[in-house]
């Protein structure tokens, strides 16, 4: 299956550069995955689609202020580090700029209290580095680090909490699970009041978010590993939903990938508490084991995320929905509008 099947033309002006003041003011395109029917709404309409007894699964990861700016200790040249995941202790996996200049043994100075030594060059150009510091690392990172906004966002983010979901809890992501940015506490309370269950998983978003596909054939792409955790409480919530014949909706591709990873571990279909690393790559032909629907933003052309939603709703339905979204001038990507596949 050729990657170009998932390409489309996107006018640059539709790439959302800043978040809306009101999280729930985003538009919502609904897509019936069976019929391909598309309808246009605003985000609070999600309450009308969800039914009592259904379950909504949210990713409660919290984004690290993971972008650090410093200088090479030996030359004073500028250097940039984007933290991806904590390997162990003070050792991290990261992306660096400029890549050719930052080899094993290089030392990057960020401040009088923080520096890092590059240990080795890993796969896809990632680096493993060890931090040396005075004080508490997390406090230093909060002071010196910036939010790791995607490269297509050129505007400065005034409020860093606007790149966090309102339910963000477990710090460790290099990017936000952006489908969840549309919720407020008030809207979540209204959803609960309708009798819809809300459960949480954790998946720390890593290198895969920043890595473009570099292959021609979809099947040749390899996803990067990301850490996930699903509690027994959430597992039981999903099991009970399935037993009742209600639907499970994943909020975002990260929640979807976590649930499907866990679902593939239990052949009887009954989920249990689970945690570990996942590199699951979902594309058309995949048979879903847990989710029935998904809330998601609009994704980059030829991305693994477009392929994931195509696996759920069918490539033709997704491409038609994207055509409609472009025609109706929906806002795309991280700070953009949402699509509910049901």
C-alpha atoms as a PDB file:
ATOM      1  CA  UNK A   1       0.000   0.000   0.000  1.00  0.00           C
ATOM      2  CA  UNK A   2       1.635   3.232  -1.187  1.00  0.00           C
ATOM      3  CA  UNK A   3       2.044   6.115   1.260  1.00  0.00           C
ATOM      4  CA  UNK A   4       0.877   8.547  -1.441  1.00  0.00           C
ATOM      5  CA  UNK A   5      -2.653   7.148  -1.105  1.00  0.00           C
ATOM      6  CA  UNK A   6      -2.848   9.231   2.076  1.00  0.00           C
ATOM      7  CA  UNK A   7      -1.661  12.507   0.580  1.00  0.00           C
ATOM      8  CA  UNK A   8      -3.824  15.597   0.159  1.00  0.00           C
ATOM      9  CA  UNK A   9      -3.382  19.310  -0.539  1.00  0.00           C
ATOM     10  CA  UNK A  10      -3.806  21.486   2.533  1.00  0.00           C
ATOM     11  CA  UNK A  11      -3.854  25.301   2.244  1.00  0.00           C
ATOM     12  CA  UNK A  12      -1.298  26.699   4.682  1.00  0.00           C
ATOM     13  CA  UNK A  13      -3.804  29.185   6.100  1.00  0.00           C
ATOM     14  CA  UNK A  14      -5.816  26.270   7.548  1.00  0.00           C
ATOM     15  CA  UNK A  15      -2.975  25.244   9.884  1.00  0.00           C
ATOM     16  CA  UNK A  16      -4.084  26.558  13.294  1.00  0.00           C
ATOM     17  CA  UNK A  17      -1.296  28.637  14.835  1.00  0.00           C
ATOM     18  CA  UNK A  18      -2.908  29.527  18.151  1.00  0.00           C
ATOM     19  CA  UNK A  19      -5.497  27.878  20.411  1.00  0.00           C
ATOM     20  CA  UNK A  20      -8.987  29.344  20.725  1.00  0.00           C
ATOM     21  CA  UNK A  21      -9.705  31.207  23.957  1.00  0.00           C
ATOM     22  CA  UNK A  22     -12.609  28.847  24.686  1.00  0.00           C
ATOM     23  CA  UNK A  23     -11.535  25.217  24.375  1.00  0.00           C
ATOM     24  CA  UNK A  24     -15.067  24.101  23.462  1.00  0.00           C
ATOM     25  CA  UNK A  25     -15.476  26.696  20.699  1.00  0.00           C
ATOM     26  CA  UNK A  26     -13.798  24.379  18.166  1.00  0.00           C
ATOM     27  CA  UNK A  27     -15.840  22.934  15.350  1.00  0.00           C
ATOM     28  CA  UNK A  28     -16.700  19.238  15.242  1.00  0.00           C
ATOM     29  CA  UNK A  29     -17.062  17.201  12.075  1.00  0.00           C
ATOM     30  CA  UNK A  30     -18.931  13.943  12.682  1.00  0.00           C
ATOM     31  CA  UNK A  31     -18.242  10.953  10.432  1.00  0.00           C
ATOM     32  CA  UNK A  32     -20.368   7.809  10.350  1.00  0.00           C
ATOM     33  CA  UNK A  33     -17.794   5.091   9.746  1.00  0.00           C
ATOM     34  CA  UNK A  34     -20.342   2.748   8.173  1.00  0.00           C
ATOM     35  CA  UNK A  35     -22.072   5.136   5.744  1.00  0.00           C
ATOM     36  CA  UNK A  36     -19.456   7.859   5.333  1.00  0.00           C
ATOM     37  CA  UNK A  37     -22.043  10.511   6.206  1.00  0.00           C
ATOM     38  CA  UNK A  38     -20.462  13.795   7.274  1.00  0.00           C
ATOM     39  CA  UNK A  39     -22.096  16.541   9.368  1.00  0.00           C
ATOM     40  CA  UNK A  40     -20.829  19.843  10.763  1.00  0.00           C
ATOM     41  CA  UNK A  41     -21.276  20.969  14.364  1.00  0.00           C
ATOM     42  CA  UNK A  42     -19.493  22.693  17.229  1.00  0.00           C
ATOM     43  CA  UNK A  43     -17.612  20.692  19.817  1.00  0.00           C
ATOM     44  CA  UNK A  44     -20.265  20.480  22.578  1.00  0.00           C
ATOM     45  CA  UNK A  45     -22.394  18.440  20.101  1.00  0.00           C
ATOM     46  CA  UNK A  46     -20.305  15.456  21.187  1.00  0.00           C
ATOM     47  CA  UNK A  47     -22.758  15.095  24.094  1.00  0.00           C
ATOM     48  CA  UNK A  48     -25.549  14.383  21.613  1.00  0.00           C
ATOM     49  CA  UNK A  49     -23.608  11.566  19.926  1.00  0.00           C
ATOM     50  CA  UNK A  50     -22.504   9.831  23.112  1.00  0.00           C
ATOM     51  CA  UNK A  51     -25.196   7.675  24.709  1.00  0.00           C
ATOM     52  CA  UNK A  52     -25.791   6.736  28.373  1.00  0.00           C
ATOM     53  CA  UNK A  53     -23.637   3.697  29.145  1.00  0.00           C
ATOM     54  CA  UNK A  54     -20.984   4.577  26.557  1.00  0.00           C
ATOM     55  CA  UNK A  55     -17.408   5.112  27.755  1.00  0.00           C
ATOM     56  CA  UNK A  56     -14.966   7.849  26.813  1.00  0.00           C
ATOM     57  CA  UNK A  57     -11.261   7.055  27.327  1.00  0.00           C
ATOM     58  CA  UNK A  58      -8.852   9.983  27.815  1.00  0.00           C
ATOM     59  CA  UNK A  59      -5.042  10.085  27.874  1.00  0.00           C
ATOM     60  CA  UNK A  60      -3.949  11.851  31.073  1.00  0.00           C
ATOM     61  CA  UNK A  61      -0.297  12.298  30.123  1.00  0.00           C
ATOM     62  CA  UNK A  62       1.227  15.702  30.841  1.00  0.00           C
ATOM     63  CA  UNK A  63       3.638  17.437  28.457  1.00  0.00           C
ATOM     64  CA  UNK A  64       7.118  18.204  29.704  1.00  0.00           C
ATOM     65  CA  UNK A  65       8.591  21.652  28.970  1.00  0.00           C
ATOM     66  CA  UNK A  66      10.961  19.507  26.962  1.00  0.00           C
ATOM     67  CA  UNK A  67      12.721  21.980  24.627  1.00  0.00           C
ATOM     68  CA  UNK A  68      15.995  23.283  26.030  1.00  0.00           C
ATOM     69  CA  UNK A  69      18.371  25.852  24.497  1.00  0.00           C
ATOM     70  CA  UNK A  70      22.063  25.940  25.333  1.00  0.00           C
ATOM     71  CA  UNK A  71      25.559  26.161  23.910  1.00  0.00           C
ATOM     72  CA  UNK A  72      28.346  23.692  23.173  1.00  0.00           C
ATOM     73  CA  UNK A  73      30.848  23.837  25.994  1.00  0.00           C
ATOM     74  CA  UNK A  74      33.895  23.763  23.691  1.00  0.00           C
ATOM     75  CA  UNK A  75      32.838  26.227  20.981  1.00  0.00           C
ATOM     76  CA  UNK A  76      29.977  28.277  22.395  1.00  0.00           C
ATOM     77  CA  UNK A  77      27.855  27.379  19.360  1.00  0.00           C
ATOM     78  CA  UNK A  78      24.095  27.294  19.883  1.00  0.00           C
ATOM     79  CA  UNK A  79      22.517  23.910  20.600  1.00  0.00           C
ATOM     80  CA  UNK A  80      18.938  22.744  21.048  1.00  0.00           C
ATOM     81  CA  UNK A  81      17.663  19.626  22.819  1.00  0.00           C
ATOM     82  CA  UNK A  82      14.164  18.134  22.671  1.00  0.00           C
ATOM     83  CA  UNK A  83      13.612  15.544  25.403  1.00  0.00           C
ATOM     84  CA  UNK A  84      11.689  12.477  24.239  1.00  0.00           C
ATOM     85  CA  UNK A  85      11.747   9.995  27.077  1.00  0.00           C
ATOM     86  CA  UNK A  86      13.452   9.275  30.363  1.00  0.00           C
ATOM     87  CA  UNK A  87      15.602   6.163  29.926  1.00  0.00           C
ATOM     88  CA  UNK A  88      16.571   5.870  33.600  1.00  0.00           C
ATOM     89  CA  UNK A  89      17.722   8.240  36.308  1.00  0.00           C
ATOM     90  CA  UNK A  90      19.270  11.310  34.688  1.00  0.00           C
ATOM     91  CA  UNK A  91      19.660   9.606  31.290  1.00  0.00           C
ATOM     92  CA  UNK A  92      17.278  10.729  28.515  1.00  0.00           C
ATOM     93  CA  UNK A  93      16.605  10.077  24.857  1.00  0.00           C
ATOM     94  CA  UNK A  94      16.415  13.307  22.877  1.00  0.00           C
ATOM     95  CA  UNK A  95      16.533  14.963  19.487  1.00  0.00           C
ATOM     96  CA  UNK A  96      19.266  17.580  19.037  1.00  0.00           C
ATOM     97  CA  UNK A  97      20.181  20.476  16.746  1.00  0.00           C
ATOM     98  CA  UNK A  98      22.536  20.764  14.983  1.00  0.00           C
ATOM     99  CA  UNK A  99      22.734  16.990  14.703  1.00  0.00           C
ATOM    100  CA  UNK A 100      26.043  16.788  12.818  1.00  0.00           C
ATOM    101  CA  UNK A 101      27.874  18.870  15.418  1.00  0.00           C
ATOM    102  CA  UNK A 102      26.586  17.091  18.513  1.00  0.00           C
ATOM    103  CA  UNK A 103      28.426  13.784  18.654  1.00  0.00           C
ATOM    104  CA  UNK A 104      29.084  11.389  21.506  1.00  0.00           C
ATOM    105  CA  UNK A 105      31.129  13.144  24.172  1.00  0.00           C
ATOM    106  CA  UNK A 106      29.801  16.629  23.388  1.00  0.00           C
ATOM    107  CA  UNK A 107      28.819  18.734  26.389  1.00  0.00           C
ATOM    108  CA  UNK A 108      25.887  21.176  26.215  1.00  0.00           C
ATOM    109  CA  UNK A 109      25.589  23.941  28.809  1.00  0.00           C
ATOM    110  CA  UNK A 110      22.079  25.303  29.490  1.00  0.00           C
ATOM    111  CA  UNK A 111      22.810  27.366  32.600  1.00  0.00           C
ATOM    112  CA  UNK A 112      25.102  27.506  35.612  1.00  0.00           C
ATOM    113  CA  UNK A 113      22.972  24.773  37.192  1.00  0.00           C
ATOM    114  CA  UNK A 114      22.339  22.455  34.220  1.00  0.00           C
ATOM    115  CA  UNK A 115      24.420  20.749  31.538  1.00  0.00           C
ATOM    116  CA  UNK A 116      24.246  17.500  29.571  1.00  0.00           C
ATOM    117  CA  UNK A 117      26.789  15.056  28.162  1.00  0.00           C
ATOM    118  CA  UNK A 118      25.885  13.181  24.968  1.00  0.00           C
ATOM    119  CA  UNK A 119      26.506   9.466  25.521  1.00  0.00           C
ATOM    120  CA  UNK A 120      25.681   7.961  22.138  1.00  0.00           C
ATOM    121  CA  UNK A 121      23.917   8.429  18.831  1.00  0.00           C
ATOM    122  CA  UNK A 122      20.867   6.200  18.525  1.00  0.00           C
ATOM    123  CA  UNK A 123      18.462   5.202  15.774  1.00  0.00           C
ATOM    124  CA  UNK A 124      16.861   7.836  13.522  1.00  0.00           C
ATOM    125  CA  UNK A 125      19.362  10.429  14.751  1.00  0.00           C
ATOM    126  CA  UNK A 126      18.188  10.420  18.368  1.00  0.00           C
ATOM    127  CA  UNK A 127      20.780  10.949  21.120  1.00  0.00           C
ATOM    128  CA  UNK A 128      21.121   9.467  24.566  1.00  0.00           C
ATOM    129  CA  UNK A 129      22.400  12.048  27.015  1.00  0.00           C
ATOM    130  CA  UNK A 130      22.975  12.376  30.758  1.00  0.00           C
ATOM    131  CA  UNK A 131      22.138  15.533  32.693  1.00  0.00           C
ATOM    132  CA  UNK A 132      24.306  17.013  35.417  1.00  0.00           C
ATOM    133  CA  UNK A 133      22.698  19.650  37.641  1.00  0.00           C
ATOM    134  CA  UNK A 134      22.507  21.381  40.999  1.00  0.00           C
ATOM    135  CA  UNK A 135      19.107  21.177  42.679  1.00  0.00           C
ATOM    136  CA  UNK A 136      15.910  19.393  41.622  1.00  0.00           C
ATOM    137  CA  UNK A 137      15.851  18.472  37.921  1.00  0.00           C
ATOM    138  CA  UNK A 138      12.090  18.938  37.449  1.00  0.00           C
ATOM    139  CA  UNK A 139      12.176  22.430  38.955  1.00  0.00           C
ATOM    140  CA  UNK A 140      15.096  23.407  36.731  1.00  0.00           C
ATOM    141  CA  UNK A 141      13.307  22.022  33.674  1.00  0.00           C
ATOM    142  CA  UNK A 142      10.160  23.990  34.554  1.00  0.00           C
ATOM    143  CA  UNK A 143      12.240  27.191  34.666  1.00  0.00           C
ATOM    144  CA  UNK A 144      14.447  26.679  31.626  1.00  0.00           C
ATOM    145  CA  UNK A 145      12.364  24.481  29.352  1.00  0.00           C
ATOM    146  CA  UNK A 146       9.864  25.556  26.710  1.00  0.00           C
ATOM    147  CA  UNK A 147       6.808  23.702  25.436  1.00  0.00           C
ATOM    148  CA  UNK A 148       7.776  21.456  22.487  1.00  0.00           C
ATOM    149  CA  UNK A 149       5.276  22.832  19.976  1.00  0.00           C
ATOM    150  CA  UNK A 150       5.225  21.079  16.571  1.00  0.00           C
ATOM    151  CA  UNK A 151       7.381  22.677  13.841  1.00  0.00           C
ATOM    152  CA  UNK A 152       4.356  23.829  11.813  1.00  0.00           C
ATOM    153  CA  UNK A 153       3.340  26.188  14.655  1.00  0.00           C
ATOM    154  CA  UNK A 154       5.232  29.454  14.205  1.00  0.00           C
ATOM    155  CA  UNK A 155       3.419  31.572  16.799  1.00  0.00           C
ATOM    156  CA  UNK A 156       4.535  31.880  20.421  1.00  0.00           C
ATOM    157  CA  UNK A 157       2.306  30.205  23.001  1.00  0.00           C
ATOM    158  CA  UNK A 158       1.435  32.767  25.682  1.00  0.00           C
ATOM    159  CA  UNK A 159      -0.073  30.290  28.157  1.00  0.00           C
ATOM    160  CA  UNK A 160       1.794  26.973  28.309  1.00  0.00           C
ATOM    161  CA  UNK A 161      -1.210  25.344  30.049  1.00  0.00           C
ATOM    162  CA  UNK A 162      -3.112  25.750  26.781  1.00  0.00           C
ATOM    163  CA  UNK A 163      -0.918  22.947  25.371  1.00  0.00           C
ATOM    164  CA  UNK A 164      -2.060  20.684  28.228  1.00  0.00           C
ATOM    165  CA  UNK A 165      -5.405  18.948  28.606  1.00  0.00           C
ATOM    166  CA  UNK A 166      -7.415  20.023  31.664  1.00  0.00           C
ATOM    167  CA  UNK A 167      -6.999  16.491  33.044  1.00  0.00           C
ATOM    168  CA  UNK A 168      -3.241  16.173  32.377  1.00  0.00           C
ATOM    169  CA  UNK A 169      -1.685  14.360  35.322  1.00  0.00           C
ATOM    170  CA  UNK A 170       1.347  12.129  34.644  1.00  0.00           C
ATOM    171  CA  UNK A 171       4.313  14.083  33.289  1.00  0.00           C
ATOM    172  CA  UNK A 172       6.325  12.469  30.515  1.00  0.00           C
ATOM    173  CA  UNK A 173       5.151  13.482  27.031  1.00  0.00           C
ATOM    174  CA  UNK A 174       7.093  15.247  24.296  1.00  0.00           C
ATOM    175  CA  UNK A 175       3.794  16.386  22.726  1.00  0.00           C
ATOM    176  CA  UNK A 176       0.198  16.880  23.800  1.00  0.00           C
ATOM    177  CA  UNK A 177      -2.571  14.356  23.083  1.00  0.00           C
ATOM    178  CA  UNK A 178      -4.281  17.122  21.135  1.00  0.00           C
ATOM    179  CA  UNK A 179      -7.755  15.610  20.696  1.00  0.00           C
ATOM    180  CA  UNK A 180      -8.255  16.179  24.413  1.00  0.00           C
ATOM    181  CA  UNK A 181      -7.490  19.901  24.255  1.00  0.00           C
ATOM    182  CA  UNK A 182     -11.149  20.625  23.375  1.00  0.00           C
ATOM    183  CA  UNK A 183     -12.531  19.536  26.752  1.00  0.00           C
ATOM    184  CA  UNK A 184     -13.208  21.710  29.775  1.00  0.00           C
ATOM    185  CA  UNK A 185     -14.022  20.423  33.257  1.00  0.00           C
ATOM    186  CA  UNK A 186     -17.561  21.742  32.794  1.00  0.00           C
ATOM    187  CA  UNK A 187     -18.104  19.833  29.551  1.00  0.00           C
ATOM    188  CA  UNK A 188     -16.737  16.637  31.106  1.00  0.00           C
ATOM    189  CA  UNK A 189     -19.188  17.082  33.994  1.00  0.00           C
ATOM    190  CA  UNK A 190     -22.047  17.455  31.490  1.00  0.00           C
ATOM    191  CA  UNK A 191     -20.940  14.269  29.725  1.00  0.00           C
ATOM    192  CA  UNK A 192     -20.900  12.386  33.038  1.00  0.00           C
ATOM    193  CA  UNK A 193     -24.322  13.808  33.903  1.00  0.00           C
ATOM    194  CA  UNK A 194     -25.707  12.171  30.753  1.00  0.00           C
ATOM    195  CA  UNK A 195     -24.599   8.785  32.066  1.00  0.00           C
ATOM    196  CA  UNK A 196     -21.466   8.483  29.938  1.00  0.00           C
ATOM    197  CA  UNK A 197     -18.484   6.919  31.731  1.00  0.00           C
ATOM    198  CA  UNK A 198     -15.053   8.547  31.604  1.00  0.00           C
ATOM    199  CA  UNK A 199     -11.891   6.518  32.079  1.00  0.00           C
ATOM    200  CA  UNK A 200      -8.184   7.314  31.807  1.00  0.00           C
ATOM    201  CA  UNK A 201      -5.113   5.713  30.307  1.00  0.00           C
ATOM    202  CA  UNK A 202      -1.585   7.088  30.055  1.00  0.00           C
ATOM    203  CA  UNK A 203       0.590   7.087  26.953  1.00  0.00           C
ATOM    204  CA  UNK A 204       3.655   9.313  26.911  1.00  0.00           C
ATOM    205  CA  UNK A 205       3.946  10.693  23.383  1.00  0.00           C
ATOM    206  CA  UNK A 206       7.454  10.282  21.991  1.00  0.00           C
ATOM    207  CA  UNK A 207       9.565  10.323  18.838  1.00  0.00           C
ATOM    208  CA  UNK A 208       6.882   8.895  16.554  1.00  0.00           C
ATOM    209  CA  UNK A 209       5.008  12.205  16.696  1.00  0.00           C
ATOM    210  CA  UNK A 210       7.967  14.079  15.210  1.00  0.00           C
ATOM    211  CA  UNK A 211       9.132  11.462  12.750  1.00  0.00           C
ATOM    212  CA  UNK A 212       7.922  11.748   9.150  1.00  0.00           C
ATOM    213  CA  UNK A 213       7.433   8.583   7.138  1.00  0.00           C
ATOM    214  CA  UNK A 214      10.543   7.942   5.052  1.00  0.00           C
ATOM    215  CA  UNK A 215       9.326   4.858   3.175  1.00  0.00           C
ATOM    216  CA  UNK A 216       7.226   4.461   0.034  1.00  0.00           C
ATOM    217  CA  UNK A 217       5.170   1.520   1.247  1.00  0.00           C
ATOM    218  CA  UNK A 218       3.035   1.786   4.362  1.00  0.00           C
ATOM    219  CA  UNK A 219       3.924  -1.721   5.552  1.00  0.00           C
ATOM    220  CA  UNK A 220       7.650  -0.842   5.683  1.00  0.00           C
ATOM    221  CA  UNK A 221       7.254   1.883   8.310  1.00  0.00           C
ATOM    222  CA  UNK A 222       8.440   1.144  11.863  1.00  0.00           C
ATOM    223  CA  UNK A 223       6.889   3.021  14.791  1.00  0.00           C
ATOM    224  CA  UNK A 224       8.946   4.229  17.727  1.00  0.00           C
ATOM    225  CA  UNK A 225       8.203   2.743  21.155  1.00  0.00           C
ATOM    226  CA  UNK A 226       6.141   4.726  23.653  1.00  0.00           C
ATOM    227  CA  UNK A 227       5.318   3.940  27.278  1.00  0.00           C
ATOM    228  CA  UNK A 228       1.693   3.227  28.212  1.00  0.00           C
ATOM    229  CA  UNK A 229      -0.259   2.290  31.312  1.00  0.00           C
ATOM    230  CA  UNK A 230      -3.850   1.069  31.740  1.00  0.00           C
ATOM    231  CA  UNK A 231      -5.240   0.618  35.250  1.00  0.00           C
ATOM    232  CA  UNK A 232      -7.455  -2.217  36.432  1.00  0.00           C
ATOM    233  CA  UNK A 233     -10.191   0.351  37.094  1.00  0.00           C
ATOM    234  CA  UNK A 234     -10.193   1.479  33.457  1.00  0.00           C
ATOM    235  CA  UNK A 235      -9.942  -2.125  32.226  1.00  0.00           C
ATOM    236  CA  UNK A 236     -13.050  -3.074  34.207  1.00  0.00           C
ATOM    237  CA  UNK A 237     -14.894   0.029  32.988  1.00  0.00           C
ATOM    238  CA  UNK A 238     -14.253  -1.009  29.379  1.00  0.00           C
ATOM    239  CA  UNK A 239     -15.174  -4.651  30.048  1.00  0.00           C
ATOM    240  CA  UNK A 240     -18.486  -3.595  31.603  1.00  0.00           C
ATOM    241  CA  UNK A 241     -19.223  -1.268  28.689  1.00  0.00           C
ATOM    242  CA  UNK A 242     -18.674  -4.091  26.216  1.00  0.00           C
ATOM    243  CA  UNK A 243     -20.822  -6.486  28.241  1.00  0.00           C
ATOM    244  CA  UNK A 244     -23.716  -4.000  28.131  1.00  0.00           C
ATOM    245  CA  UNK A 245     -23.388  -3.598  24.387  1.00  0.00           C
ATOM    246  CA  UNK A 246     -22.402   0.061  24.683  1.00  0.00           C
ATOM    247  CA  UNK A 247     -19.601   1.780  22.774  1.00  0.00           C
ATOM    248  CA  UNK A 248     -16.035   2.633  23.746  1.00  0.00           C
ATOM    249  CA  UNK A 249     -14.736   5.930  22.321  1.00  0.00           C
ATOM    250  CA  UNK A 250     -11.018   6.724  22.347  1.00  0.00           C
ATOM    251  CA  UNK A 251     -10.097  10.386  22.702  1.00  0.00           C
ATOM    252  CA  UNK A 252      -7.151  10.694  20.353  1.00  0.00           C
ATOM    253  CA  UNK A 253      -4.907   8.297  18.505  1.00  0.00           C
ATOM    254  CA  UNK A 254      -2.772   7.832  21.644  1.00  0.00           C
ATOM    255  CA  UNK A 255      -5.735   6.470  23.618  1.00  0.00           C
ATOM    256  CA  UNK A 256      -6.655   4.304  20.643  1.00  0.00           C
ATOM    257  CA  UNK A 257      -3.157   2.848  20.319  1.00  0.00           C
ATOM    258  CA  UNK A 258      -3.006   2.111  24.048  1.00  0.00           C
ATOM    259  CA  UNK A 259      -6.376   0.341  24.111  1.00  0.00           C
ATOM    260  CA  UNK A 260      -5.612  -1.695  21.001  1.00  0.00           C
ATOM    261  CA  UNK A 261      -2.191  -2.660  22.374  1.00  0.00           C
ATOM    262  CA  UNK A 262      -3.796  -3.977  25.549  1.00  0.00           C
ATOM    263  CA  UNK A 263      -6.653  -5.582  23.603  1.00  0.00           C
ATOM    264  CA  UNK A 264      -4.187  -7.616  21.559  1.00  0.00           C
ATOM    265  CA  UNK A 265      -2.722  -9.099  24.758  1.00  0.00           C
ATOM    266  CA  UNK A 266      -5.960 -10.716  25.946  1.00  0.00           C
ATOM    267  CA  UNK A 267      -7.444 -13.121  23.414  1.00  0.00           C
ATOM    268  CA  UNK A 268     -10.662 -13.582  25.379  1.00  0.00           C
ATOM    269  CA  UNK A 269     -11.410  -9.872  24.946  1.00  0.00           C
ATOM    270  CA  UNK A 270     -11.459  -9.227  28.696  1.00  0.00           C
ATOM    271  CA  UNK A 271      -8.967  -6.477  29.484  1.00  0.00           C
ATOM    272  CA  UNK A 272      -6.757  -6.412  32.547  1.00  0.00           C
ATOM    273  CA  UNK A 273      -4.339  -3.933  34.057  1.00  0.00           C
ATOM    274  CA  UNK A 274      -1.353  -3.551  31.771  1.00  0.00           C
ATOM    275  CA  UNK A 275       1.695  -1.339  31.226  1.00  0.00           C
ATOM    276  CA  UNK A 276       4.790  -1.408  29.065  1.00  0.00           C
ATOM    277  CA  UNK A 277       6.063  -0.183  25.706  1.00  0.00           C
ATOM    278  CA  UNK A 278       4.079  -0.127  22.492  1.00  0.00           C
ATOM    279  CA  UNK A 279       5.122   0.322  18.884  1.00  0.00           C
ATOM    280  CA  UNK A 280       1.731  -0.658  17.437  1.00  0.00           C
ATOM    281  CA  UNK A 281       1.146   0.680  13.912  1.00  0.00           C
ATOM    282  CA  UNK A 282      -2.507   0.697  12.897  1.00  0.00           C
ATOM    283  CA  UNK A 283      -3.359   1.088   9.212  1.00  0.00           C
ATOM    284  CA  UNK A 284      -6.140  -0.180   6.896  1.00  0.00           C
ATOM    285  CA  UNK A 285      -6.630  -3.907   7.198  1.00  0.00           C
ATOM    286  CA  UNK A 286      -6.292  -3.794  10.971  1.00  0.00           C
ATOM    287  CA  UNK A 287      -9.133  -5.401  12.958  1.00  0.00           C
ATOM    288  CA  UNK A 288     -10.071  -3.282  15.996  1.00  0.00           C
ATOM    289  CA  UNK A 289     -10.398  -5.185  19.251  1.00  0.00           C
ATOM    290  CA  UNK A 290     -11.500  -2.539  21.765  1.00  0.00           C
ATOM    291  CA  UNK A 291     -12.647   0.806  20.381  1.00  0.00           C
ATOM    292  CA  UNK A 292     -15.889   1.503  18.531  1.00  0.00           C
ATOM    293  CA  UNK A 293     -15.306   5.176  17.800  1.00  0.00           C
ATOM    294  CA  UNK A 294     -12.746   7.933  18.166  1.00  0.00           C
ATOM    295  CA  UNK A 295     -12.419  11.658  18.686  1.00  0.00           C
ATOM    296  CA  UNK A 296      -9.438  13.045  16.815  1.00  0.00           C
ATOM    297  CA  UNK A 297      -8.013  16.217  15.290  1.00  0.00           C
ATOM    298  CA  UNK A 298      -7.164  16.609  11.587  1.00  0.00           C
ATOM    299  CA  UNK A 299      -3.730  15.213  10.784  1.00  0.00           C
ATOM    300  CA  UNK A 300      -0.759  15.768   8.500  1.00  0.00           C
ATOM    301  CA  UNK A 301      -0.843  14.364   4.956  1.00  0.00           C
ATOM    302  CA  UNK A 302       0.855  10.966   4.555  1.00  0.00           C
ATOM    303  CA  UNK A 303       1.103  10.560   8.351  1.00  0.00           C
ATOM    304  CA  UNK A 304       0.643   7.395  10.398  1.00  0.00           C
ATOM    305  CA  UNK A 305      -2.281   9.149  12.098  1.00  0.00           C
ATOM    306  CA  UNK A 306      -4.223   9.561   8.841  1.00  0.00           C
ATOM    307  CA  UNK A 307      -3.626   5.853   8.250  1.00  0.00           C
ATOM    308  CA  UNK A 308      -4.921   5.003  11.735  1.00  0.00           C
ATOM    309  CA  UNK A 309      -8.214   6.857  11.285  1.00  0.00           C
ATOM    310  CA  UNK A 310      -8.503   5.319   7.802  1.00  0.00           C
ATOM    311  CA  UNK A 311      -8.253   1.881   9.404  1.00  0.00           C
ATOM    312  CA  UNK A 312     -11.264   2.755  11.558  1.00  0.00           C
ATOM    313  CA  UNK A 313     -13.488   4.538   9.045  1.00  0.00           C
ATOM    314  CA  UNK A 314     -12.105   3.462   5.664  1.00  0.00           C
ATOM    315  CA  UNK A 315      -9.701   5.424   3.474  1.00  0.00           C
ATOM    316  CA  UNK A 316     -12.386   6.721   1.088  1.00  0.00           C
ATOM    317  CA  UNK A 317     -14.572   7.969   3.949  1.00  0.00           C
ATOM    318  CA  UNK A 318     -11.621   9.710   5.629  1.00  0.00           C
ATOM    319  CA  UNK A 319     -10.407  11.351   2.418  1.00  0.00           C
ATOM    320  CA  UNK A 320     -13.933  12.576   1.695  1.00  0.00           C
ATOM    321  CA  UNK A 321     -14.244  13.939   5.256  1.00  0.00           C
ATOM    322  CA  UNK A 322     -10.921  15.761   4.869  1.00  0.00           C
ATOM    323  CA  UNK A 323     -12.073  17.252   1.552  1.00  0.00           C
ATOM    324  CA  UNK A 324     -15.197  18.514   3.310  1.00  0.00           C
ATOM    325  CA  UNK A 325     -13.156  19.922   6.189  1.00  0.00           C
ATOM    326  CA  UNK A 326     -10.866  21.798   3.796  1.00  0.00           C
ATOM    327  CA  UNK A 327     -13.820  23.116   1.803  1.00  0.00           C
ATOM    328  CA  UNK A 328     -15.500  24.321   5.009  1.00  0.00           C
ATOM    329  CA  UNK A 329     -12.216  25.830   6.228  1.00  0.00           C
ATOM    330  CA  UNK A 330     -11.788  23.769   9.374  1.00  0.00           C
ATOM    331  CA  UNK A 331      -8.645  24.487  11.411  1.00  0.00           C
ATOM    332  CA  UNK A 332      -6.050  21.688  11.127  1.00  0.00           C
ATOM    333  CA  UNK A 333      -3.486  19.986  13.381  1.00  0.00           C
ATOM    334  CA  UNK A 334      -2.670  20.469  17.090  1.00  0.00           C
ATOM    335  CA  UNK A 335      -4.669  23.625  17.837  1.00  0.00           C
ATOM    336  CA  UNK A 336      -7.302  22.887  15.214  1.00  0.00           C
ATOM    337  CA  UNK A 337     -10.824  21.518  15.105  1.00  0.00           C
ATOM    338  CA  UNK A 338     -11.995  17.962  15.828  1.00  0.00           C
ATOM    339  CA  UNK A 339     -13.572  14.990  14.089  1.00  0.00           C
ATOM    340  CA  UNK A 340     -15.714  12.377  15.808  1.00  0.00           C
ATOM    341  CA  UNK A 341     -15.782   8.978  14.100  1.00  0.00           C
ATOM    342  CA  UNK A 342     -18.745   6.959  15.338  1.00  0.00           C
END
